[in-house]
PDB file of all heavy atoms in Angstrom:
ATOM      1  N   ARG A   1    -133.657 -18.244 -10.429  1.00  0.00           N
ATOM      2  CA  ARG A   1    -134.192 -17.701  -9.168  1.00  0.00           C
ATOM      3  C   ARG A   1    -133.066 -17.415  -8.183  1.00  0.00           C
ATOM      4  O   ARG A   1    -133.122 -16.434  -7.439  1.00  0.00           O
ATOM      5  CB  ARG A   1    -135.208 -18.660  -8.539  1.00  0.00           C
ATOM      6  CG  ARG A   1    -136.419 -18.872  -9.397  1.00  0.00           C
ATOM      7  CD  ARG A   1    -137.278 -17.634  -9.422  1.00  0.00           C
ATOM      8  NE  ARG A   1    -138.304 -17.791 -10.436  1.00  0.00           N
ATOM      9  CZ  ARG A   1    -138.951 -16.805 -11.009  1.00  0.00           C
ATOM     10  NH1 ARG A   1    -138.714 -15.574 -10.649  1.00  0.00           N
ATOM     11  NH2 ARG A   1    -139.851 -17.024 -11.922  1.00  0.00           N
ATOM     12  N   ARG A   2    -132.043 -18.260  -8.158  1.00  0.00           N
ATOM     13  CA  ARG A   2    -130.890 -18.003  -7.285  1.00  0.00           C
ATOM     14  C   ARG A   2    -130.171 -16.730  -7.718  1.00  0.00           C
ATOM     15  O   ARG A   2    -129.758 -15.925  -6.877  1.00  0.00           O
ATOM     16  CB  ARG A   2    -129.937 -19.195  -7.280  1.00  0.00           C
ATOM     17  CG  ARG A   2    -130.461 -20.382  -6.488  1.00  0.00           C
ATOM     18  CD  ARG A   2    -129.390 -21.412  -6.166  1.00  0.00           C
ATOM     19  NE  ARG A   2    -128.490 -21.730  -7.249  1.00  0.00           N
ATOM     20  CZ  ARG A   2    -128.634 -22.744  -8.107  1.00  0.00           C
ATOM     21  NH1 ARG A   2    -129.672 -23.548  -8.006  1.00  0.00           N
ATOM     22  NH2 ARG A   2    -127.744 -22.959  -9.051  1.00  0.00           N
ATOM     23  N   LEU A   3    -130.014 -16.549  -9.028  1.00  0.00           N
ATOM     24  CA  LEU A   3    -129.378 -15.339  -9.537  1.00  0.00           C
ATOM     25  C   LEU A   3    -130.163 -14.102  -9.109  1.00  0.00           C
ATOM     26  O   LEU A   3    -129.576 -13.134  -8.605  1.00  0.00           O
ATOM     27  CB  LEU A   3    -129.266 -15.401 -11.061  1.00  0.00           C
ATOM     28  CG  LEU A   3    -128.775 -14.123 -11.754  1.00  0.00           C
ATOM     29  CD1 LEU A   3    -127.361 -13.768 -11.298  1.00  0.00           C
ATOM     30  CD2 LEU A   3    -128.842 -14.287 -13.263  1.00  0.00           C
ATOM     31  N   LEU A   4    -131.482 -14.128  -9.292  1.00  0.00           N
ATOM     32  CA  LEU A   4    -132.298 -12.983  -8.876  1.00  0.00           C
ATOM     33  C   LEU A   4    -132.161 -12.714  -7.381  1.00  0.00           C
ATOM     34  O   LEU A   4    -132.050 -11.563  -6.958  1.00  0.00           O
ATOM     35  CB  LEU A   4    -133.765 -13.205  -9.233  1.00  0.00           C
ATOM     36  CG  LEU A   4    -134.159 -13.003 -10.688  1.00  0.00           C
ATOM     37  CD1 LEU A   4    -135.660 -13.222 -10.867  1.00  0.00           C
ATOM     38  CD2 LEU A   4    -133.753 -11.645 -11.195  1.00  0.00           C
ATOM     39  N   ALA A   5    -132.150 -13.764  -6.589  1.00  0.00           N
ATOM     40  CA  ALA A   5    -132.010 -13.594  -5.139  1.00  0.00           C
ATOM     41  C   ALA A   5    -130.673 -12.948  -4.795  1.00  0.00           C
ATOM     42  O   ALA A   5    -130.611 -12.048  -3.937  1.00  0.00           O
ATOM     43  CB  ALA A   5    -132.153 -14.937  -4.429  1.00  0.00           C
ATOM     44  N   HIS A   6    -129.606 -13.361  -5.462  1.00  0.00           N
ATOM     45  CA  HIS A   6    -128.286 -12.776  -5.202  1.00  0.00           C
ATOM     46  C   HIS A   6    -128.243 -11.305  -5.632  1.00  0.00           C
ATOM     47  O   HIS A   6    -127.677 -10.459  -4.927  1.00  0.00           O
ATOM     48  CB  HIS A   6    -127.187 -13.555  -5.917  1.00  0.00           C
ATOM     49  CG  HIS A   6    -126.882 -14.871  -5.287  1.00  0.00           C
ATOM     50  ND1 HIS A   6    -126.331 -15.001  -4.031  1.00  0.00           N
ATOM     51  CD2 HIS A   6    -127.062 -16.131  -5.744  1.00  0.00           C
ATOM     52  CE1 HIS A   6    -126.180 -16.267  -3.742  1.00  0.00           C
ATOM     53  NE2 HIS A   6    -126.627 -16.984  -4.764  1.00  0.00           N
ATOM     54  N   LEU A   7    -128.827 -11.005  -6.783  1.00  0.00           N
ATOM     55  CA  LEU A   7    -128.844  -9.618  -7.252  1.00  0.00           C
ATOM     56  C   LEU A   7    -129.674  -8.733  -6.330  1.00  0.00           C
ATOM     57  O   LEU A   7    -129.279  -7.601  -6.029  1.00  0.00           O
ATOM     58  CB  LEU A   7    -129.367  -9.551  -8.689  1.00  0.00           C
ATOM     59  CG  LEU A   7    -128.450 -10.166  -9.744  1.00  0.00           C
ATOM     60  CD1 LEU A   7    -129.172 -10.262 -11.084  1.00  0.00           C
ATOM     61  CD2 LEU A   7    -127.158  -9.371  -9.879  1.00  0.00           C
ATOM     62  N   GLU A   8    -130.805  -9.237  -5.862  1.00  0.00           N
ATOM     63  CA  GLU A   8    -131.627  -8.466  -4.929  1.00  0.00           C
ATOM     64  C   GLU A   8    -130.903  -8.248  -3.600  1.00  0.00           C
ATOM     65  O   GLU A   8    -130.978  -7.163  -3.017  1.00  0.00           O
ATOM     66  CB  GLU A   8    -132.971  -9.155  -4.714  1.00  0.00           C
ATOM     67  CG  GLU A   8    -133.866  -9.076  -5.929  1.00  0.00           C
ATOM     68  CD  GLU A   8    -135.141  -9.897  -5.802  1.00  0.00           C
ATOM     69  OE1 GLU A   8    -135.404 -10.470  -4.713  1.00  0.00           O
ATOM     70  OE2 GLU A   8    -135.874  -9.971  -6.800  1.00  0.00           O
ATOM     71  N   ALA A   9    -130.187  -9.266  -3.133  1.00  0.00           N
ATOM     72  CA  ALA A   9    -129.422  -9.121  -1.886  1.00  0.00           C
ATOM     73  C   ALA A   9    -128.296  -8.102  -2.063  1.00  0.00           C
ATOM     74  O   ALA A   9    -128.042  -7.288  -1.166  1.00  0.00           O
ATOM     75  CB  ALA A   9    -128.864 -10.471  -1.444  1.00  0.00           C
ATOM     76  N   GLY A  10    -127.637  -8.138  -3.212  1.00  0.00           N
ATOM     77  CA  GLY A  10    -126.583  -7.159  -3.491  1.00  0.00           C
ATOM     78  C   GLY A  10    -127.137  -5.749  -3.535  1.00  0.00           C
ATOM     79  O   GLY A  10    -126.539  -4.809  -2.996  1.00  0.00           O
ATOM     80  N   ARG A  11    -128.300  -5.581  -4.164  1.00  0.00           N
ATOM     81  CA  ARG A  11    -128.933  -4.259  -4.219  1.00  0.00           C
ATOM     82  C   ARG A  11    -129.304  -3.780  -2.821  1.00  0.00           C
ATOM     83  O   ARG A  11    -129.052  -2.636  -2.459  1.00  0.00           O
ATOM     84  CB  ARG A  11    -130.177  -4.309  -5.101  1.00  0.00           C
ATOM     85  CG  ARG A  11    -130.917  -2.989  -5.163  1.00  0.00           C
ATOM     86  CD  ARG A  11    -132.024  -3.015  -6.199  1.00  0.00           C
ATOM     87  NE  ARG A  11    -132.910  -1.883  -6.080  1.00  0.00           N
ATOM     88  CZ  ARG A  11    -132.630  -0.634  -6.450  1.00  0.00           C
ATOM     89  NH1 ARG A  11    -131.454  -0.353  -6.977  1.00  0.00           N
ATOM     90  NH2 ARG A  11    -133.508   0.338  -6.307  1.00  0.00           N
ATOM     91  N   ALA A  12    -129.873  -4.669  -2.024  1.00  0.00           N
ATOM     92  CA  ALA A  12    -130.255  -4.298  -0.656  1.00  0.00           C
ATOM     93  C   ALA A  12    -129.034  -3.865   0.156  1.00  0.00           C
ATOM     94  O   ALA A  12    -129.096  -2.885   0.907  1.00  0.00           O
ATOM     95  CB  ALA A  12    -130.965  -5.462   0.029  1.00  0.00           C
ATOM     96  N   ALA A  13    -127.925  -4.572  -0.008  1.00  0.00           N
ATOM     97  CA  ALA A  13    -126.701  -4.213   0.718  1.00  0.00           C
ATOM     98  C   ALA A  13    -126.196  -2.835   0.281  1.00  0.00           C
ATOM     99  O   ALA A  13    -125.768  -2.032   1.125  1.00  0.00           O
ATOM    100  CB  ALA A  13    -125.620  -5.269   0.492  1.00  0.00           C
ATOM    101  N   GLN A  14    -126.266  -2.542  -1.013  1.00  0.00           N
ATOM    102  CA  GLN A  14    -125.812  -1.238  -1.493  1.00  0.00           C
ATOM    103  C   GLN A  14    -126.741  -0.119  -1.018  1.00  0.00           C
ATOM    104  O   GLN A  14    -126.282   0.970  -0.672  1.00  0.00           O
ATOM    105  CB  GLN A  14    -125.711  -1.243  -3.024  1.00  0.00           C
ATOM    106  CG  GLN A  14    -124.608  -2.124  -3.550  1.00  0.00           C
ATOM    107  CD  GLN A  14    -123.241  -1.727  -3.026  1.00  0.00           C
ATOM    108  OE1 GLN A  14    -122.906  -0.552  -2.889  1.00  0.00           O
ATOM    109  NE2 GLN A  14    -122.427  -2.731  -2.724  1.00  0.00           N
ATOM    110  N   LEU A  15    -128.043  -0.390  -0.991  1.00  0.00           N
ATOM    111  CA  LEU A  15    -128.977   0.620  -0.479  1.00  0.00           C
ATOM    112  C   LEU A  15    -128.719   0.891   1.001  1.00  0.00           C
ATOM    113  O   LEU A  15    -128.799   2.040   1.451  1.00  0.00           O
ATOM    114  CB  LEU A  15    -130.427   0.181  -0.712  1.00  0.00           C
ATOM    115  CG  LEU A  15    -130.895   0.221  -2.165  1.00  0.00           C
ATOM    116  CD1 LEU A  15    -132.280  -0.403  -2.291  1.00  0.00           C
ATOM    117  CD2 LEU A  15    -130.894   1.645  -2.697  1.00  0.00           C
ATOM    118  N   GLN A  16    -128.408  -0.163   1.743  1.00  0.00           N
ATOM    119  CA  GLN A  16    -128.074   0.028   3.159  1.00  0.00           C
ATOM    120  C   GLN A  16    -126.787   0.850   3.289  1.00  0.00           C
ATOM    121  O   GLN A  16    -126.693   1.732   4.136  1.00  0.00           O
ATOM    122  CB  GLN A  16    -127.917  -1.318   3.872  1.00  0.00           C
ATOM    123  CG  GLN A  16    -127.590  -1.183   5.345  1.00  0.00           C
ATOM    124  CD  GLN A  16    -128.638  -0.392   6.108  1.00  0.00           C
ATOM    125  OE1 GLN A  16    -129.831  -0.616   5.961  1.00  0.00           O
ATOM    126  NE2 GLN A  16    -128.206   0.553   6.924  1.00  0.00           N
ATOM    127  N   GLY A  17    -125.818   0.563   2.440  1.00  0.00           N
ATOM    128  CA  GLY A  17    -124.587   1.352   2.437  1.00  0.00           C
ATOM    129  C   GLY A  17    -124.848   2.814   2.113  1.00  0.00           C
ATOM    130  O   GLY A  17    -124.241   3.710   2.709  1.00  0.00           O
ATOM    131  N   ALA A  18    -125.763   3.062   1.192  1.00  0.00           N
ATOM    132  CA  ALA A  18    -126.111   4.443   0.846  1.00  0.00           C
ATOM    133  C   ALA A  18    -126.758   5.148   2.033  1.00  0.00           C
ATOM    134  O   ALA A  18    -126.463   6.310   2.312  1.00  0.00           O
ATOM    135  CB  ALA A  18    -127.040   4.465  -0.368  1.00  0.00           C
ATOM    136  N   ARG A  19    -127.635   4.441   2.756  1.00  0.00           N
ATOM    137  CA  ARG A  19    -128.269   5.041   3.938  1.00  0.00           C
ATOM    138  C   ARG A  19    -127.220   5.351   5.004  1.00  0.00           C
ATOM    139  O   ARG A  19    -127.275   6.395   5.654  1.00  0.00           O
ATOM    140  CB  ARG A  19    -129.359   4.125   4.486  1.00  0.00           C
ATOM    141  CG  ARG A  19    -130.629   4.118   3.645  1.00  0.00           C
ATOM    142  CD  ARG A  19    -131.763   3.375   4.312  1.00  0.00           C
ATOM    143  NE  ARG A  19    -131.557   1.937   4.335  1.00  0.00           N
ATOM    144  CZ  ARG A  19    -131.888   1.105   3.353  1.00  0.00           C
ATOM    145  NH1 ARG A  19    -132.436   1.573   2.247  1.00  0.00           N
ATOM    146  NH2 ARG A  19    -131.680  -0.186   3.472  1.00  0.00           N
ATOM    147  N   THR A  20    -126.279   4.441   5.186  1.00  0.00           N
ATOM    148  CA  THR A  20    -125.212   4.657   6.168  1.00  0.00           C
ATOM    149  C   THR A  20    -124.360   5.854   5.767  1.00  0.00           C
ATOM    150  O   THR A  20    -124.038   6.707   6.595  1.00  0.00           O
ATOM    151  CB  THR A  20    -124.333   3.397   6.293  1.00  0.00           C
ATOM    152  OG1 THR A  20    -125.155   2.310   6.707  1.00  0.00           O
ATOM    153  CG2 THR A  20    -123.195   3.599   7.273  1.00  0.00           C
ATOM    154  N   ALA A  21    -124.015   5.936   4.488  1.00  0.00           N
ATOM    155  CA  ALA A  21    -123.203   7.046   3.995  1.00  0.00           C
ATOM    156  C   ALA A  21    -123.947   8.363   4.147  1.00  0.00           C
ATOM    157  O   ALA A  21    -123.353   9.385   4.512  1.00  0.00           O
ATOM    158  CB  ALA A  21    -122.831   6.814   2.535  1.00  0.00           C
ATOM    159  N   GLU A  22    -125.239   8.339   3.893  1.00  0.00           N
ATOM    160  CA  GLU A  22    -126.042   9.555   4.024  1.00  0.00           C
ATOM    161  C   GLU A  22    -126.031  10.058   5.467  1.00  0.00           C
ATOM    162  O   GLU A  22    -125.953  11.256   5.723  1.00  0.00           O
ATOM    163  CB  GLU A  22    -127.468   9.284   3.565  1.00  0.00           C
ATOM    164  CG  GLU A  22    -128.323  10.519   3.489  1.00  0.00           C
ATOM    165  CD  GLU A  22    -129.672  10.221   2.882  1.00  0.00           C
ATOM    166  OE1 GLU A  22    -130.260   9.170   3.195  1.00  0.00           O
ATOM    167  OE2 GLU A  22    -130.138  11.062   2.111  1.00  0.00           O
ATOM    168  N   ALA A  23    -126.064   9.128   6.409  1.00  0.00           N
ATOM    169  CA  ALA A  23    -126.037   9.496   7.825  1.00  0.00           C
ATOM    170  C   ALA A  23    -124.694  10.108   8.228  1.00  0.00           C
ATOM    171  O   ALA A  23    -124.616  10.823   9.225  1.00  0.00           O
ATOM    172  CB  ALA A  23    -126.328   8.275   8.688  1.00  0.00           C
ATOM    173  N   MET A  24    -123.656   9.842   7.435  1.00  0.00           N
ATOM    174  CA  MET A  24    -122.325  10.385   7.724  1.00  0.00           C
ATOM    175  C   MET A  24    -122.202  11.855   7.330  1.00  0.00           C
ATOM    176  O   MET A  24    -121.209  12.504   7.640  1.00  0.00           O
ATOM    177  CB  MET A  24    -121.248   9.578   6.985  1.00  0.00           C
ATOM    178  CG  MET A  24    -121.125   8.150   7.453  1.00  0.00           C
ATOM    179  SD  MET A  24    -120.076   7.135   6.367  1.00  0.00           S
ATOM    180  CE  MET A  24    -118.510   7.977   6.484  1.00  0.00           C
ATOM    181  N   GLY A  25    -123.186  12.367   6.618  1.00  0.00           N
ATOM    182  CA  GLY A  25    -123.140  13.762   6.189  1.00  0.00           C
ATOM    183  C   GLY A  25    -122.117  13.965   5.085  1.00  0.00           C
ATOM    184  O   GLY A  25    -121.940  13.123   4.212  1.00  0.00           O
ATOM    185  N   GLU A  26    -121.413  15.090   5.139  1.00  0.00           N
ATOM    186  CA  GLU A  26    -120.421  15.433   4.116  1.00  0.00           C
ATOM    187  C   GLU A  26    -119.351  14.358   3.959  1.00  0.00           C
ATOM    188  O   GLU A  26    -118.879  14.115   2.857  1.00  0.00           O
ATOM    189  CB  GLU A  26    -119.724  16.751   4.467  1.00  0.00           C
ATOM    190  CG  GLU A  26    -120.093  18.000   3.724  1.00  0.00           C
ATOM    191  CD  GLU A  26    -120.514  17.862   2.275  1.00  0.00           C
ATOM    192  OE1 GLU A  26    -119.668  17.640   1.392  1.00  0.00           O
ATOM    193  OE2 GLU A  26    -121.708  18.020   2.013  1.00  0.00           O
TER     194      GLU A  26
END
């Protein structure tokens, strides 16, 4: 369960990074 929680947190952080990058445009 700890492993799953860490993997989900890592995925959430990367998705947030993708949203931030998308807002940066080109």
